[in-house]
Amino acid sequence: MLNKRVKTDIVNPEHFSVGCAESLDNKTGTVTEYSENQDKYLVKFDTPARKWWTNQLPCTCFWFDKKNLREV
């Protein structure tokens, strides 16, 4: 799945912190890394996700389970 274009599709928003799933859902980007230890994929977004807490820097990438990603 490395270097694949994906769109996020958050399956269980309750598994994310408040506001996080809403900010990250339906974001498009590219899978840039895979963590075997955690079985997660790092997605670098085409555009930063909006902030879900006050002092946060713009979120340009995030680790996801495969179930929350679909190829585009």
N, C-alpha and C. Protein backbone atom coordinates (compact mmCIF):
# COMPACT_ATOMS: atom_id res chain seq x y z
N MET A 1 0.82 -1.19 0.00
CA MET A 1 0.00 0.00 0.00
C MET A 1 0.87 1.27 0.00
N LEU A 2 2.17 1.11 0.15
CA LEU A 2 3.06 2.27 0.13
C LEU A 2 2.95 3.01 -1.20
N ASN A 3 2.97 4.33 -1.13
CA ASN A 3 2.88 5.23 -2.28
C ASN A 3 1.53 5.20 -2.98
N LYS A 4 0.54 4.57 -2.40
CA LYS A 4 -0.81 4.54 -2.98
C LYS A 4 -1.57 5.79 -2.58
N ARG A 5 -2.43 6.25 -3.49
CA ARG A 5 -3.33 7.36 -3.21
C ARG A 5 -4.54 6.81 -2.47
N VAL A 6 -4.90 7.46 -1.36
CA VAL A 6 -6.00 6.98 -0.54
C VAL A 6 -6.91 8.14 -0.12
N LYS A 7 -8.09 7.75 0.33
CA LYS A 7 -9.02 8.68 0.95
C LYS A 7 -9.41 8.07 2.29
N THR A 8 -9.43 8.89 3.32
CA THR A 8 -9.78 8.36 4.65
C THR A 8 -11.28 8.15 4.74
N ASP A 9 -11.65 7.11 5.42
CA ASP A 9 -13.05 6.75 5.66
C ASP A 9 -13.11 6.20 7.08
N ILE A 10 -13.29 7.09 8.04
CA ILE A 10 -13.24 6.72 9.46
C ILE A 10 -14.41 5.80 9.80
N VAL A 11 -14.09 4.56 10.18
CA VAL A 11 -15.10 3.54 10.48
C VAL A 11 -15.68 3.70 11.88
N ASN A 12 -14.81 3.90 12.87
CA ASN A 12 -15.25 4.04 14.27
C ASN A 12 -14.77 5.37 14.83
N PRO A 13 -15.51 6.46 14.63
CA PRO A 13 -15.05 7.76 15.10
C PRO A 13 -14.85 7.82 16.61
N GLU A 14 -15.53 6.95 17.35
CA GLU A 14 -15.39 6.95 18.81
C GLU A 14 -14.00 6.48 19.26
N HIS A 15 -13.20 5.91 18.36
CA HIS A 15 -11.84 5.47 18.68
C HIS A 15 -10.82 6.60 18.56
N PHE A 16 -11.28 7.79 18.16
CA PHE A 16 -10.42 8.96 18.01
C PHE A 16 -10.80 9.98 19.08
N SER A 17 -9.88 10.91 19.36
CA SER A 17 -10.19 11.96 20.33
C SER A 17 -11.28 12.88 19.77
N VAL A 18 -11.91 13.63 20.64
CA VAL A 18 -13.02 14.50 20.27
C VAL A 18 -12.59 15.48 19.18
N GLY A 19 -13.31 15.49 18.08
CA GLY A 19 -13.04 16.38 16.96
C GLY A 19 -12.05 15.84 15.94
N CYS A 20 -11.26 14.86 16.32
CA CYS A 20 -10.22 14.33 15.44
C CYS A 20 -10.81 13.62 14.23
N ALA A 21 -11.73 12.70 14.45
CA ALA A 21 -12.31 11.93 13.34
C ALA A 21 -12.99 12.85 12.34
N GLU A 22 -13.69 13.86 12.83
CA GLU A 22 -14.39 14.78 11.93
C GLU A 22 -13.39 15.56 11.06
N SER A 23 -12.25 15.90 11.62
CA SER A 23 -11.23 16.64 10.87
C SER A 23 -10.50 15.77 9.85
N LEU A 24 -10.33 14.49 10.17
CA LEU A 24 -9.54 13.61 9.32
C LEU A 24 -10.37 12.81 8.32
N ASP A 25 -11.68 12.74 8.51
CA ASP A 25 -12.52 11.95 7.61
C ASP A 25 -12.60 12.60 6.23
N ASN A 26 -12.56 11.78 5.21
CA ASN A 26 -12.65 12.20 3.81
C ASN A 26 -11.46 13.02 3.33
N LYS A 27 -10.30 12.87 3.96
CA LYS A 27 -9.08 13.53 3.49
C LYS A 27 -8.39 12.63 2.47
N THR A 28 -7.85 13.22 1.44
CA THR A 28 -7.09 12.46 0.45
C THR A 28 -5.59 12.71 0.67
N GLY A 29 -4.81 11.71 0.30
CA GLY A 29 -3.36 11.83 0.44
C GLY A 29 -2.66 10.59 -0.08
N THR A 30 -1.40 10.47 0.31
CA THR A 30 -0.55 9.37 -0.14
C THR A 30 0.03 8.63 1.06
N VAL A 31 0.02 7.31 1.01
CA VAL A 31 0.63 6.49 2.07
C VAL A 31 2.14 6.60 1.91
N THR A 32 2.81 7.10 2.95
CA THR A 32 4.26 7.32 2.86
C THR A 32 5.06 6.34 3.71
N GLU A 33 4.44 5.73 4.73
CA GLU A 33 5.15 4.79 5.60
C GLU A 33 4.19 3.72 6.10
N TYR A 34 4.78 2.60 6.51
CA TYR A 34 4.02 1.52 7.13
C TYR A 34 4.75 1.09 8.39
N SER A 35 4.02 0.92 9.49
CA SER A 35 4.59 0.45 10.74
C SER A 35 4.14 -0.98 10.99
N GLU A 36 5.07 -1.92 10.85
CA GLU A 36 4.73 -3.33 11.09
C GLU A 36 4.35 -3.57 12.55
N ASN A 37 5.04 -2.91 13.46
CA ASN A 37 4.78 -3.10 14.90
C ASN A 37 3.35 -2.75 15.26
N GLN A 38 2.83 -1.68 14.66
CA GLN A 38 1.48 -1.23 15.00
C GLN A 38 0.46 -1.53 13.92
N ASP A 39 0.91 -2.05 12.77
CA ASP A 39 0.06 -2.33 11.63
C ASP A 39 -0.75 -1.08 11.23
N LYS A 40 -0.02 0.03 11.07
CA LYS A 40 -0.63 1.32 10.71
C LYS A 40 0.09 1.93 9.52
N TYR A 41 -0.65 2.79 8.82
CA TYR A 41 -0.14 3.46 7.63
C TYR A 41 -0.12 4.97 7.86
N LEU A 42 0.99 5.61 7.50
CA LEU A 42 1.10 7.07 7.61
C LEU A 42 0.64 7.68 6.29
N VAL A 43 -0.38 8.52 6.39
CA VAL A 43 -0.92 9.19 5.21
C VAL A 43 -0.52 10.66 5.26
N LYS A 44 0.15 11.11 4.20
CA LYS A 44 0.47 12.53 4.06
C LYS A 44 -0.65 13.15 3.23
N PHE A 45 -1.36 14.11 3.83
CA PHE A 45 -2.53 14.70 3.19
C PHE A 45 -2.15 15.68 2.08
N ASP A 46 -3.02 15.80 1.10
CA ASP A 46 -2.84 16.77 0.02
C ASP A 46 -2.92 18.20 0.57
N THR A 47 -3.83 18.41 1.49
CA THR A 47 -3.98 19.70 2.18
C THR A 47 -4.11 19.41 3.67
N PRO A 48 -3.62 20.29 4.53
CA PRO A 48 -3.70 20.03 5.97
C PRO A 48 -5.15 19.89 6.45
N ALA A 49 -5.33 19.01 7.44
CA ALA A 49 -6.64 18.87 8.08
C ALA A 49 -6.86 20.05 9.02
N ARG A 50 -8.11 20.41 9.21
CA ARG A 50 -8.38 21.51 10.14
C ARG A 50 -8.06 21.07 11.57
N LYS A 51 -7.74 22.05 12.40
CA LYS A 51 -7.37 21.76 13.79
C LYS A 51 -8.57 21.26 14.57
N TRP A 52 -8.32 20.34 15.52
CA TRP A 52 -9.40 19.88 16.40
C TRP A 52 -9.13 20.23 17.85
N TRP A 53 -8.03 20.92 18.10
CA TRP A 53 -7.81 21.52 19.42
C TRP A 53 -7.05 22.82 19.22
N THR A 54 -7.18 23.71 20.17
CA THR A 54 -6.78 25.11 20.03
C THR A 54 -5.33 25.34 19.65
N ASN A 55 -4.38 24.79 20.35
CA ASN A 55 -2.96 25.11 20.12
C ASN A 55 -2.25 24.16 19.16
N GLN A 56 -2.98 23.45 18.40
CA GLN A 56 -2.45 22.46 17.47
C GLN A 56 -1.89 23.13 16.21
N LEU A 57 -0.80 22.58 15.70
CA LEU A 57 -0.31 22.97 14.38
C LEU A 57 -1.18 22.27 13.33
N PRO A 58 -1.25 22.79 12.12
CA PRO A 58 -2.03 22.09 11.09
C PRO A 58 -1.54 20.65 10.92
N CYS A 59 -2.47 19.73 10.83
CA CYS A 59 -2.15 18.31 10.70
C CYS A 59 -1.94 17.98 9.23
N THR A 60 -0.70 17.64 8.88
CA THR A 60 -0.37 17.35 7.48
C THR A 60 -0.27 15.85 7.21
N CYS A 61 -0.21 15.03 8.27
CA CYS A 61 -0.16 13.58 8.11
C CYS A 61 -0.67 12.92 9.39
N PHE A 62 -1.04 11.64 9.30
CA PHE A 62 -1.61 10.94 10.44
C PHE A 62 -1.49 9.44 10.20
N TRP A 63 -1.35 8.66 11.29
CA TRP A 63 -1.28 7.20 11.21
C TRP A 63 -2.70 6.62 11.27
N PHE A 64 -3.01 5.69 10.35
CA PHE A 64 -4.33 5.07 10.27
C PHE A 64 -4.23 3.55 10.19
N ASP A 65 -5.26 2.89 10.71
CA ASP A 65 -5.45 1.46 10.45
C ASP A 65 -5.92 1.32 9.01
N LYS A 66 -5.64 0.20 8.40
CA LYS A 66 -6.03 -0.04 7.01
C LYS A 66 -7.54 0.07 6.82
N LYS A 67 -8.32 -0.31 7.82
CA LYS A 67 -9.78 -0.28 7.70
C LYS A 67 -10.32 1.14 7.49
N ASN A 68 -9.52 2.16 7.83
CA ASN A 68 -9.94 3.55 7.68
C ASN A 68 -9.47 4.19 6.37
N LEU A 69 -8.92 3.37 5.48
CA LEU A 69 -8.39 3.88 4.21
C LEU A 69 -8.99 3.14 3.04
N ARG A 70 -9.22 3.88 1.96
CA ARG A 70 -9.61 3.22 0.71
C ARG A 70 -8.83 3.86 -0.43
N GLU A 71 -8.43 3.04 -1.35
CA GLU A 71 -7.65 3.53 -2.49
C GLU A 71 -8.51 4.37 -3.42
N VAL A 72 -7.89 5.40 -4.00
CA VAL A 72 -8.61 6.25 -4.97
C VAL A 72 -7.88 6.23 -6.30
